[in-house]
Amino acid sequence: MVDTLAKKFGAVVVFAEHRFYGKSWPFGTAEKSFTREGVKYLTVPQVMRDFVNLINVLKSDINHLELSERAVIVGGGSYGGMLSAWMRMYFPNQV
């Protein structure tokens, strides 16, 4: 996708990180984040809202790339693929 389609169509490719993974610990560390209180923020609806927020920030804050009127295409495999399908279902005006 990055080496072929993105180059062909002049696309910007963003790989978003799901909260609670990589370095995205909502409470600073895994130990503080994976508590009964912390994991209530680890839901599919919340991650989809994170992605909508990311899309909105990218489209409004990076004016030099002229993204405000560009289409957003989501994709992925396994869990990422499910998130992509759900994003299309619940946020059709965004993706």
PDB file of N, CA and C in Angstrom:
ATOM      1  N   MET A   1       0.822  -1.190   0.000  1.00  0.00           N
ATOM      2  CA  MET A   1       0.000   0.000   0.000  1.00  0.00           C
ATOM      3  C   MET A   1       0.869   1.258   0.000  1.00  0.00           C
ATOM      4  N   VAL A   2       1.906   1.271   0.808  1.00  0.00           N
ATOM      5  CA  VAL A   2       2.742   2.460   0.910  1.00  0.00           C
ATOM      6  C   VAL A   2       3.612   2.631  -0.326  1.00  0.00           C
ATOM      7  N   ASP A   3       4.233   1.562  -0.762  1.00  0.00           N
ATOM      8  CA  ASP A   3       5.176   1.658  -1.875  1.00  0.00           C
ATOM      9  C   ASP A   3       4.512   1.747  -3.240  1.00  0.00           C
ATOM     10  N   THR A   4       3.277   1.311  -3.354  1.00  0.00           N
ATOM     11  CA  THR A   4       2.645   1.327  -4.676  1.00  0.00           C
ATOM     12  C   THR A   4       1.475   2.297  -4.745  1.00  0.00           C
ATOM     13  N   LEU A   5       0.396   1.998  -4.063  1.00  0.00           N
ATOM     14  CA  LEU A   5      -0.816   2.816  -4.190  1.00  0.00           C
ATOM     15  C   LEU A   5      -0.629   4.239  -3.663  1.00  0.00           C
ATOM     16  N   ALA A   6       0.007   4.381  -2.524  1.00  0.00           N
ATOM     17  CA  ALA A   6       0.197   5.722  -1.968  1.00  0.00           C
ATOM     18  C   ALA A   6       1.020   6.588  -2.907  1.00  0.00           C
ATOM     19  N   LYS A   7       2.085   6.033  -3.436  1.00  0.00           N
ATOM     20  CA  LYS A   7       2.914   6.807  -4.378  1.00  0.00           C
ATOM     21  C   LYS A   7       2.148   7.132  -5.649  1.00  0.00           C
ATOM     22  N   LYS A   8       1.405   6.163  -6.154  1.00  0.00           N
ATOM     23  CA  LYS A   8       0.666   6.365  -7.396  1.00  0.00           C
ATOM     24  C   LYS A   8      -0.365   7.483  -7.272  1.00  0.00           C
ATOM     25  N   PHE A   9      -1.078   7.536  -6.121  1.00  0.00           N
ATOM     26  CA  PHE A   9      -2.157   8.494  -5.959  1.00  0.00           C
ATOM     27  C   PHE A   9      -1.791   9.701  -5.095  1.00  0.00           C
ATOM     28  N   GLY A  10      -0.537   9.785  -4.668  1.00  0.00           N
ATOM     29  CA  GLY A  10      -0.108  10.918  -3.855  1.00  0.00           C
ATOM     30  C   GLY A  10      -0.769  10.939  -2.494  1.00  0.00           C
ATOM     31  N   ALA A  11      -0.954   9.781  -1.917  1.00  0.00           N
ATOM     32  CA  ALA A  11      -1.660   9.674  -0.638  1.00  0.00           C
ATOM     33  C   ALA A  11      -0.728   9.869   0.548  1.00  0.00           C
ATOM     34  N   VAL A  12      -1.303  10.294   1.640  1.00  0.00           N
ATOM     35  CA  VAL A  12      -0.625  10.335   2.928  1.00  0.00           C
ATOM     36  C   VAL A  12      -1.071   9.081   3.674  1.00  0.00           C
ATOM     37  N   VAL A  13      -0.124   8.304   4.151  1.00  0.00           N
ATOM     38  CA  VAL A  13      -0.447   7.068   4.867  1.00  0.00           C
ATOM     39  C   VAL A  13      -0.108   7.263   6.333  1.00  0.00           C
ATOM     40  N   VAL A  14      -1.081   6.968   7.195  1.00  0.00           N
ATOM     41  CA  VAL A  14      -0.900   7.104   8.638  1.00  0.00           C
ATOM     42  C   VAL A  14      -1.198   5.759   9.281  1.00  0.00           C
ATOM     43  N   PHE A  15      -0.278   5.290  10.078  1.00  0.00           N
ATOM     44  CA  PHE A  15      -0.506   4.083  10.859  1.00  0.00           C
ATOM     45  C   PHE A  15      -0.772   4.519  12.292  1.00  0.00           C
ATOM     46  N   ALA A  16      -2.027   4.483  12.696  1.00  0.00           N
ATOM     47  CA  ALA A  16      -2.403   4.923  14.038  1.00  0.00           C
ATOM     48  C   ALA A  16      -2.145   3.811  15.043  1.00  0.00           C
ATOM     49  N   GLU A  17      -1.747   4.201  16.224  1.00  0.00           N
ATOM     50  CA  GLU A  17      -1.500   3.242  17.289  1.00  0.00           C
ATOM     51  C   GLU A  17      -2.700   3.218  18.228  1.00  0.00           C
ATOM     52  N   HIS A  18      -3.180   2.043  18.518  1.00  0.00           N
ATOM     53  CA  HIS A  18      -4.298   1.847  19.441  1.00  0.00           C
ATOM     54  C   HIS A  18      -3.849   2.192  20.852  1.00  0.00           C
ATOM     55  N   ARG A  19      -4.689   2.892  21.579  1.00  0.00           N
ATOM     56  CA  ARG A  19      -4.325   3.188  22.958  1.00  0.00           C
ATOM     57  C   ARG A  19      -4.072   1.881  23.716  1.00  0.00           C
ATOM     58  N   PHE A  20      -3.207   1.910  24.674  1.00  0.00           N
ATOM     59  CA  PHE A  20      -2.780   0.769  25.493  1.00  0.00           C
ATOM     60  C   PHE A  20      -1.727  -0.093  24.799  1.00  0.00           C
ATOM     61  N   TYR A  21      -1.275   0.282  23.607  1.00  0.00           N
ATOM     62  CA  TYR A  21      -0.280  -0.521  22.907  1.00  0.00           C
ATOM     63  C   TYR A  21       0.901   0.352  22.526  1.00  0.00           C
ATOM     64  N   GLY A  22       2.051  -0.264  22.314  1.00  0.00           N
ATOM     65  CA  GLY A  22       3.240   0.512  21.995  1.00  0.00           C
ATOM     66  C   GLY A  22       3.570   1.431  23.149  1.00  0.00           C
ATOM     67  N   LYS A  23       3.600   2.711  22.875  1.00  0.00           N
ATOM     68  CA  LYS A  23       3.904   3.701  23.919  1.00  0.00           C
ATOM     69  C   LYS A  23       2.666   4.472  24.361  1.00  0.00           C
ATOM     70  N   SER A  24       1.495   4.017  23.961  1.00  0.00           N
ATOM     71  CA  SER A  24       0.244   4.729  24.258  1.00  0.00           C
ATOM     72  C   SER A  24      -0.397   4.229  25.543  1.00  0.00           C
ATOM     73  N   TRP A  25       0.253   4.481  26.654  1.00  0.00           N
ATOM     74  CA  TRP A  25      -0.306   4.089  27.950  1.00  0.00           C
ATOM     75  C   TRP A  25      -1.075   5.273  28.522  1.00  0.00           C
ATOM     76  N   PRO A  26      -2.388   5.159  28.662  1.00  0.00           N
ATOM     77  CA  PRO A  26      -3.183   6.288  29.149  1.00  0.00           C
ATOM     78  C   PRO A  26      -2.757   6.813  30.514  1.00  0.00           C
ATOM     79  N   PHE A  27      -2.191   5.943  31.351  1.00  0.00           N
ATOM     80  CA  PHE A  27      -1.789   6.364  32.692  1.00  0.00           C
ATOM     81  C   PHE A  27      -0.276   6.252  32.875  1.00  0.00           C
ATOM     82  N   GLY A  28       0.478   6.371  31.779  1.00  0.00           N
ATOM     83  CA  GLY A  28       1.921   6.437  31.855  1.00  0.00           C
ATOM     84  C   GLY A  28       2.671   5.123  31.736  1.00  0.00           C
ATOM     85  N   THR A  29       2.180   4.070  32.376  1.00  0.00           N
ATOM     86  CA  THR A  29       2.850   2.770  32.326  1.00  0.00           C
ATOM     87  C   THR A  29       1.806   1.667  32.178  1.00  0.00           C
ATOM     88  N   ALA A  30       2.274   0.485  31.790  1.00  0.00           N
ATOM     89  CA  ALA A  30       1.365  -0.660  31.676  1.00  0.00           C
ATOM     90  C   ALA A  30       0.772  -1.002  33.037  1.00  0.00           C
ATOM     91  N   GLU A  31       1.593  -0.936  34.076  1.00  0.00           N
ATOM     92  CA  GLU A  31       1.105  -1.289  35.415  1.00  0.00           C
ATOM     93  C   GLU A  31      -0.019  -0.366  35.881  1.00  0.00           C
ATOM     94  N   LYS A  32       0.104   0.921  35.580  1.00  0.00           N
ATOM     95  CA  LYS A  32      -0.929   1.875  35.982  1.00  0.00           C
ATOM     96  C   LYS A  32      -2.138   1.835  35.055  1.00  0.00           C
ATOM     97  N   SER A  33      -1.923   1.461  33.796  1.00  0.00           N
ATOM     98  CA  SER A  33      -3.016   1.469  32.818  1.00  0.00           C
ATOM     99  C   SER A  33      -3.869   0.213  32.881  1.00  0.00           C
ATOM    100  N   PHE A  34      -3.255  -0.951  33.122  1.00  0.00           N
ATOM    101  CA  PHE A  34      -4.013  -2.204  33.157  1.00  0.00           C
ATOM    102  C   PHE A  34      -4.531  -2.500  34.561  1.00  0.00           C
ATOM    103  N   THR A  35      -5.331  -1.590  35.060  1.00  0.00           N
ATOM    104  CA  THR A  35      -6.032  -1.770  36.335  1.00  0.00           C
ATOM    105  C   THR A  35      -7.518  -1.827  36.025  1.00  0.00           C
ATOM    106  N   ARG A  36      -8.312  -2.208  37.001  1.00  0.00           N
ATOM    107  CA  ARG A  36      -9.767  -2.253  36.794  1.00  0.00           C
ATOM    108  C   ARG A  36     -10.277  -0.881  36.360  1.00  0.00           C
ATOM    109  N   GLU A  37      -9.782   0.160  36.976  1.00  0.00           N
ATOM    110  CA  GLU A  37     -10.198   1.515  36.620  1.00  0.00           C
ATOM    111  C   GLU A  37      -9.677   1.911  35.234  1.00  0.00           C
ATOM    112  N   GLY A  38      -8.456   1.513  34.911  1.00  0.00           N
ATOM    113  CA  GLY A  38      -7.836   1.919  33.658  1.00  0.00           C
ATOM    114  C   GLY A  38      -8.411   1.253  32.424  1.00  0.00           C
ATOM    115  N   VAL A  39      -8.714  -0.036  32.501  1.00  0.00           N
ATOM    116  CA  VAL A  39      -9.154  -0.748  31.304  1.00  0.00           C
ATOM    117  C   VAL A  39     -10.557  -0.369  30.849  1.00  0.00           C
ATOM    118  N   LYS A  40     -11.270   0.387  31.646  1.00  0.00           N
ATOM    119  CA  LYS A  40     -12.578   0.840  31.171  1.00  0.00           C
ATOM    120  C   LYS A  40     -12.425   1.785  29.971  1.00  0.00           C
ATOM    121  N   TYR A  41     -11.199   2.259  29.738  1.00  0.00           N
ATOM    122  CA  TYR A  41     -10.924   3.117  28.584  1.00  0.00           C
ATOM    123  C   TYR A  41     -10.419   2.327  27.385  1.00  0.00           C
ATOM    124  N   LEU A  42     -10.406   1.011  27.480  1.00  0.00           N
ATOM    125  CA  LEU A  42      -9.930   0.152  26.397  1.00  0.00           C
ATOM    126  C   LEU A  42     -11.133  -0.499  25.716  1.00  0.00           C
ATOM    127  N   THR A  43     -11.891   0.311  24.968  1.00  0.00           N
ATOM    128  CA  THR A  43     -13.079  -0.194  24.290  1.00  0.00           C
ATOM    129  C   THR A  43     -13.030   0.179  22.812  1.00  0.00           C
ATOM    130  N   VAL A  44     -13.728  -0.572  22.016  1.00  0.00           N
ATOM    131  CA  VAL A  44     -13.792  -0.297  20.579  1.00  0.00           C
ATOM    132  C   VAL A  44     -14.406   1.081  20.301  1.00  0.00           C
ATOM    133  N   PRO A  45     -15.528   1.456  20.925  1.00  0.00           N
ATOM    134  CA  PRO A  45     -16.066   2.790  20.645  1.00  0.00           C
ATOM    135  C   PRO A  45     -15.079   3.909  20.969  1.00  0.00           C
ATOM    136  N   GLN A  46     -14.312   3.731  22.037  1.00  0.00           N
ATOM    137  CA  GLN A  46     -13.361   4.784  22.386  1.00  0.00           C
ATOM    138  C   GLN A  46     -12.204   4.860  21.394  1.00  0.00           C
ATOM    139  N   VAL A  47     -11.711   3.720  20.943  1.00  0.00           N
ATOM    140  CA  VAL A  47     -10.616   3.773  19.966  1.00  0.00           C
ATOM    141  C   VAL A  47     -11.118   4.344  18.639  1.00  0.00           C
ATOM    142  N   MET A  48     -12.353   4.063  18.267  1.00  0.00           N
ATOM    143  CA  MET A  48     -12.882   4.654  17.034  1.00  0.00           C
ATOM    144  C   MET A  48     -12.980   6.170  17.167  1.00  0.00           C
ATOM    145  N   ARG A  49     -13.397   6.647  18.338  1.00  0.00           N
ATOM    146  CA  ARG A  49     -13.434   8.100  18.553  1.00  0.00           C
ATOM    147  C   ARG A  49     -12.026   8.696  18.543  1.00  0.00           C
ATOM    148  N   ASP A  50     -11.045   7.937  19.058  1.00  0.00           N
ATOM    149  CA  ASP A  50      -9.651   8.388  18.960  1.00  0.00           C
ATOM    150  C   ASP A  50      -9.260   8.576  17.501  1.00  0.00           C
ATOM    151  N   PHE A  51      -9.621   7.610  16.651  1.00  0.00           N
ATOM    152  CA  PHE A  51      -9.256   7.671  15.243  1.00  0.00           C
ATOM    153  C   PHE A  51      -9.980   8.812  14.537  1.00  0.00           C
ATOM    154  N   VAL A  52     -11.251   9.047  14.876  1.00  0.00           N
ATOM    155  CA  VAL A  52     -11.983  10.179  14.292  1.00  0.00           C
ATOM    156  C   VAL A  52     -11.303  11.485  14.699  1.00  0.00           C
ATOM    157  N   ASN A  53     -10.902  11.568  15.960  1.00  0.00           N
ATOM    158  CA  ASN A  53     -10.204  12.764  16.429  1.00  0.00           C
ATOM    159  C   ASN A  53      -8.890  12.942  15.677  1.00  0.00           C
ATOM    160  N   LEU A  54      -8.145  11.861  15.492  1.00  0.00           N
ATOM    161  CA  LEU A  54      -6.890  11.929  14.747  1.00  0.00           C
ATOM    162  C   LEU A  54      -7.133  12.412  13.313  1.00  0.00           C
ATOM    163  N   ILE A  55      -8.151  11.875  12.664  1.00  0.00           N
ATOM    164  CA  ILE A  55      -8.491  12.301  11.302  1.00  0.00           C
ATOM    165  C   ILE A  55      -8.788  13.794  11.276  1.00  0.00           C
ATOM    166  N   ASN A  56      -9.598  14.253  12.226  1.00  0.00           N
ATOM    167  CA  ASN A  56      -9.962  15.672  12.268  1.00  0.00           C
ATOM    168  C   ASN A  56      -8.749  16.562  12.499  1.00  0.00           C
ATOM    169  N   VAL A  57      -7.859  16.137  13.388  1.00  0.00           N
ATOM    170  CA  VAL A  57      -6.643  16.918  13.647  1.00  0.00           C
ATOM    171  C   VAL A  57      -5.767  16.972  12.400  1.00  0.00           C
ATOM    172  N   LEU A  58      -5.572  15.826  11.768  1.00  0.00           N
ATOM    173  CA  LEU A  58      -4.738  15.808  10.568  1.00  0.00           C
ATOM    174  C   LEU A  58      -5.324  16.665   9.462  1.00  0.00           C
ATOM    175  N   LYS A  59      -6.627  16.628   9.309  1.00  0.00           N
ATOM    176  CA  LYS A  59      -7.262  17.394   8.234  1.00  0.00           C
ATOM    177  C   LYS A  59      -7.276  18.895   8.520  1.00  0.00           C
ATOM    178  N   SER A  60      -7.272  19.288   9.779  1.00  0.00           N
ATOM    179  CA  SER A  60      -7.350  20.714  10.090  1.00  0.00           C
ATOM    180  C   SER A  60      -6.000  21.341  10.400  1.00  0.00           C
ATOM    181  N   ASP A  61      -5.073  20.580  10.955  1.00  0.00           N
ATOM    182  CA  ASP A  61      -3.813  21.169  11.414  1.00  0.00           C
ATOM    183  C   ASP A  61      -2.678  21.111  10.408  1.00  0.00           C
ATOM    184  N   ILE A  62      -2.781  20.297   9.413  1.00  0.00           N
ATOM    185  CA  ILE A  62      -1.683  20.165   8.460  1.00  0.00           C
ATOM    186  C   ILE A  62      -2.117  20.766   7.128  1.00  0.00           C
ATOM    187  N   ASN A  63      -2.326  22.055   7.143  1.00  0.00           N
ATOM    188  CA  ASN A  63      -2.852  22.748   5.964  1.00  0.00           C
ATOM    189  C   ASN A  63      -1.925  22.677   4.770  1.00  0.00           C
ATOM    190  N   HIS A  64      -0.626  22.582   4.995  1.00  0.00           N
ATOM    191  CA  HIS A  64       0.285  22.567   3.858  1.00  0.00           C
ATOM    192  C   HIS A  64       0.152  21.295   3.027  1.00  0.00           C
ATOM    193  N   LEU A  65      -0.460  20.255   3.581  1.00  0.00           N
ATOM    194  CA  LEU A  65      -0.703  19.038   2.802  1.00  0.00           C
ATOM    195  C   LEU A  65      -2.064  19.063   2.113  1.00  0.00           C
ATOM    196  N   GLU A  66      -2.863  20.090   2.379  1.00  0.00           N
ATOM    197  CA  GLU A  66      -4.183  20.254   1.772  1.00  0.00           C
ATOM    198  C   GLU A  66      -5.047  19.006   1.942  1.00  0.00           C
ATOM    199  N   LEU A  67      -5.192  18.562   3.177  1.00  0.00           N
ATOM    200  CA  LEU A  67      -5.937  17.343   3.467  1.00  0.00           C
ATOM    201  C   LEU A  67      -7.405  17.576   3.772  1.00  0.00           C
ATOM    202  N   SER A  68      -7.818  18.814   3.969  1.00  0.00           N
ATOM    203  CA  SER A  68      -9.178  19.059   4.454  1.00  0.00           C
ATOM    204  C   SER A  68     -10.269  18.480   3.562  1.00  0.00           C
ATOM    205  N   GLU A  69     -10.044  18.443   2.265  1.00  0.00           N
ATOM    206  CA  GLU A  69     -11.062  17.919   1.353  1.00  0.00           C
ATOM    207  C   GLU A  69     -10.727  16.537   0.806  1.00  0.00           C
ATOM    208  N   ARG A  70      -9.702  15.919   1.325  1.00  0.00           N
ATOM    209  CA  ARG A  70      -9.286  14.606   0.835  1.00  0.00           C
ATOM    210  C   ARG A  70     -10.088  13.490   1.482  1.00  0.00           C
ATOM    211  N   ALA A  71     -10.276  12.409   0.743  1.00  0.00           N
ATOM    212  CA  ALA A  71     -10.964  11.229   1.259  1.00  0.00           C
ATOM    213  C   ALA A  71     -10.064  10.498   2.253  1.00  0.00           C
ATOM    214  N   VAL A  72     -10.696   9.803   3.177  1.00  0.00           N
ATOM    215  CA  VAL A  72      -9.975   8.973   4.146  1.00  0.00           C
ATOM    216  C   VAL A  72     -10.367   7.530   3.884  1.00  0.00           C
ATOM    217  N   ILE A  73      -9.370   6.704   3.655  1.00  0.00           N
ATOM    218  CA  ILE A  73      -9.582   5.282   3.424  1.00  0.00           C
ATOM    219  C   ILE A  73      -8.952   4.531   4.579  1.00  0.00           C
ATOM    220  N   VAL A  74      -9.718   3.668   5.227  1.00  0.00           N
ATOM    221  CA  VAL A  74      -9.191   2.881   6.338  1.00  0.00           C
ATOM    222  C   VAL A  74      -9.034   1.441   5.884  1.00  0.00           C
ATOM    223  N   GLY A  75      -8.084   0.767   6.486  1.00  0.00           N
ATOM    224  CA  GLY A  75      -7.859  -0.631   6.130  1.00  0.00           C
ATOM    225  C   GLY A  75      -7.085  -1.330   7.221  1.00  0.00           C
ATOM    226  N   GLY A  76      -7.006  -2.611   7.098  1.00  0.00           N
ATOM    227  CA  GLY A  76      -6.242  -3.391   8.060  1.00  0.00           C
ATOM    228  C   GLY A  76      -6.593  -4.850   7.959  1.00  0.00           C
ATOM    229  N   GLY A  77      -5.917  -5.631   8.722  1.00  0.00           N
ATOM    230  CA  GLY A  77      -6.184  -7.065   8.767  1.00  0.00           C
ATOM    231  C   GLY A  77      -6.479  -7.473  10.191  1.00  0.00           C
ATOM    232  N   SER A  78      -7.225  -8.527  10.360  1.00  0.00           N
ATOM    233  CA  SER A  78      -7.571  -9.046  11.679  1.00  0.00           C
ATOM    234  C   SER A  78      -8.329  -7.974  12.471  1.00  0.00           C
ATOM    235  N   TYR A  79      -7.866  -7.626  13.663  1.00  0.00           N
ATOM    236  CA  TYR A  79      -8.553  -6.623  14.484  1.00  0.00           C
ATOM    237  C   TYR A  79      -8.598  -5.273  13.774  1.00  0.00           C
ATOM    238  N   GLY A  80      -7.515  -4.892  13.115  1.00  0.00           N
ATOM    239  CA  GLY A  80      -7.496  -3.637  12.366  1.00  0.00           C
ATOM    240  C   GLY A  80      -8.530  -3.619  11.250  1.00  0.00           C
ATOM    241  N   GLY A  81      -8.747  -4.763  10.633  1.00  0.00           N
ATOM    242  CA  GLY A  81      -9.770  -4.873   9.604  1.00  0.00           C
ATOM    243  C   GLY A  81     -11.167  -4.702  10.172  1.00  0.00           C
ATOM    244  N   MET A  82     -11.385  -5.270  11.341  1.00  0.00           N
ATOM    245  CA  MET A  82     -12.690  -5.095  12.004  1.00  0.00           C
ATOM    246  C   MET A  82     -12.900  -3.637  12.385  1.00  0.00           C
ATOM    247  N   LEU A  83     -11.852  -2.995  12.927  1.00  0.00           N
ATOM    248  CA  LEU A  83     -11.973  -1.575  13.258  1.00  0.00           C
ATOM    249  C   LEU A  83     -12.285  -0.761  12.006  1.00  0.00           C
ATOM    250  N   SER A  84     -11.670  -1.113  10.896  1.00  0.00           N
ATOM    251  CA  SER A  84     -11.937  -0.403   9.640  1.00  0.00           C
ATOM    252  C   SER A  84     -13.394  -0.545   9.228  1.00  0.00           C
ATOM    253  N   ALA A  85     -13.919  -1.753   9.323  1.00  0.00           N
ATOM    254  CA  ALA A  85     -15.325  -1.986   8.962  1.00  0.00           C
ATOM    255  C   ALA A  85     -16.257  -1.239   9.903  1.00  0.00           C
ATOM    256  N   TRP A  86     -15.955  -1.281  11.187  1.00  0.00           N
ATOM    257  CA  TRP A  86     -16.797  -0.569  12.152  1.00  0.00           C
ATOM    258  C   TRP A  86     -16.714   0.936  11.954  1.00  0.00           C
ATOM    259  N   MET A  87     -15.531   1.440  11.618  1.00  0.00           N
ATOM    260  CA  MET A  87     -15.400   2.872  11.344  1.00  0.00           C
ATOM    261  C   MET A  87     -16.300   3.269  10.174  1.00  0.00           C
ATOM    262  N   ARG A  88     -16.325   2.437   9.155  1.00  0.00           N
ATOM    263  CA  ARG A  88     -17.167   2.726   7.984  1.00  0.00           C
ATOM    264  C   ARG A  88     -18.645   2.683   8.359  1.00  0.00           C
ATOM    265  N   MET A  89     -19.007   1.768   9.249  1.00  0.00           N
ATOM    266  CA  MET A  89     -20.401   1.656   9.678  1.00  0.00           C
ATOM    267  C   MET A  89     -20.829   2.821  10.573  1.00  0.00           C
ATOM    268  N   TYR A  90     -19.997   3.167  11.554  1.00  0.00           N
ATOM    269  CA  TYR A  90     -20.389   4.146  12.565  1.00  0.00           C
ATOM    270  C   TYR A  90     -19.989   5.576  12.239  1.00  0.00           C
ATOM    271  N   PHE A  91     -19.011   5.746  11.364  1.00  0.00           N
ATOM    272  CA  PHE A  91     -18.552   7.091  11.010  1.00  0.00           C
ATOM    273  C   PHE A  91     -18.447   7.237   9.489  1.00  0.00           C
ATOM    274  N   PRO A  92     -19.541   7.001   8.774  1.00  0.00           N
ATOM    275  CA  PRO A  92     -19.483   7.024   7.297  1.00  0.00           C
ATOM    276  C   PRO A  92     -19.139   8.406   6.731  1.00  0.00           C
ATOM    277  N   ASN A  93     -19.358   9.456   7.482  1.00  0.00           N
ATOM    278  CA  ASN A  93     -19.012  10.793   6.991  1.00  0.00           C
ATOM    279  C   ASN A  93     -17.537  11.107   7.174  1.00  0.00           C
ATOM    280  N   GLN A  94     -16.846  10.262   7.932  1.00  0.00           N
ATOM    281  CA  GLN A  94     -15.423  10.481   8.181  1.00  0.00           C
ATOM    282  C   GLN A  94     -14.530   9.614   7.284  1.00  0.00           C
ATOM    283  N   VAL A  95     -15.001   8.384   7.012  1.00  0.00           N
ATOM    284  CA  VAL A  95     -14.177   7.452   6.222  1.00  0.00           C
ATOM    285  C   VAL A  95     -14.968   6.916   5.056  1.00  0.00           C
TER     286      VAL A  95
END
